[in-house]
Amino acid sequence: MAITHNSGDPLIRMNAFSEMQQILFEDLPIIPTHQYSWIYLQDPDVDGLIRFPVVDFSRGHLLTD
């Protein structure tokens, strides 16, 4: 950090920031902060919806008696 605060040379500062970033990548764990999900309702008269692994509502159709 001292190099980035005390140097006026942009190349020296960028190299110092690059080294700090590499240290963070190597030493810090990856912690998920959220989980992605879908919430929806489905009418029992609708059939053919694909919900997993890819959400695809284009093939849904209404059931007829």
Protein backbone atom coordinates (compact mmCIF):
# COMPACT_ATOMS: atom_id res chain seq x y z
CA MET A 1 0.00 0.00 0.00
CA ALA A 2 2.83 2.41 0.75
CA ILE A 3 4.06 2.17 -2.84
CA THR A 4 0.65 3.07 -4.25
CA HIS A 5 0.37 6.08 -1.94
CA ASN A 6 3.91 7.39 -2.31
CA SER A 7 4.74 6.83 -5.99
CA GLY A 8 3.81 9.28 -8.69
CA ASP A 9 4.75 6.84 -11.46
CA PRO A 10 1.59 5.23 -12.87
CA LEU A 11 3.44 2.08 -13.99
CA ILE A 12 4.89 1.46 -10.52
CA ARG A 13 1.47 2.03 -8.94
CA MET A 14 -0.30 -0.32 -11.37
CA ASN A 15 2.29 -3.05 -10.74
CA ALA A 16 1.81 -2.65 -6.98
CA PHE A 17 -1.98 -2.87 -7.36
CA SER A 18 -1.55 -5.95 -9.55
CA GLU A 19 0.56 -7.65 -6.85
CA MET A 20 -2.02 -6.79 -4.17
CA GLN A 21 -4.83 -8.17 -6.32
CA GLN A 22 -2.93 -11.42 -6.91
CA ILE A 23 -2.40 -11.84 -3.16
CA LEU A 24 -6.14 -11.39 -2.57
CA PHE A 25 -7.03 -13.95 -5.27
CA GLU A 26 -4.69 -16.52 -3.76
CA ASP A 27 -5.46 -15.99 -0.07
CA LEU A 28 -9.15 -15.11 0.23
CA PRO A 29 -11.92 -17.72 0.05
CA ILE A 30 -14.90 -17.40 -2.26
CA ILE A 31 -18.06 -16.94 -0.21
CA PRO A 32 -21.43 -17.10 -2.02
CA THR A 33 -23.62 -14.17 -1.06
CA HIS A 34 -26.93 -15.30 -2.56
CA GLN A 35 -28.69 -18.19 -4.21
CA TYR A 36 -30.48 -17.75 -7.51
CA SER A 37 -33.94 -19.28 -7.72
CA TRP A 38 -37.29 -19.03 -9.52
CA ILE A 39 -40.69 -18.92 -7.83
CA TYR A 40 -43.81 -19.39 -9.93
CA LEU A 41 -47.29 -20.90 -9.93
CA GLN A 42 -48.59 -23.36 -12.48
CA ASP A 43 -52.22 -23.95 -13.39
CA PRO A 44 -53.08 -27.67 -13.33
CA ASP A 45 -54.65 -27.25 -16.80
CA VAL A 46 -51.28 -26.25 -18.31
CA ASP A 47 -49.03 -29.08 -19.48
CA GLY A 48 -45.64 -29.37 -21.21
CA LEU A 49 -43.68 -26.72 -19.33
CA ILE A 50 -39.99 -27.42 -18.92
CA ARG A 51 -38.69 -26.05 -15.61
CA PHE A 52 -35.40 -27.88 -15.20
CA PRO A 53 -32.54 -27.66 -16.19
CA VAL A 54 -33.56 -24.76 -18.47
CA VAL A 55 -36.70 -22.71 -17.95
CA ASP A 56 -38.62 -22.96 -21.24
CA PHE A 57 -42.27 -21.94 -21.26
CA SER A 58 -42.48 -21.87 -25.07
CA ARG A 59 -43.78 -25.47 -25.33
CA GLY A 60 -46.57 -25.19 -22.75
CA HIS A 61 -50.15 -25.82 -23.80
CA LEU A 62 -53.60 -25.96 -22.22
CA LEU A 63 -55.12 -29.34 -21.53
CA THR A 64 -58.55 -29.87 -23.09
CA ASP A 65 -61.26 -32.24 -21.95
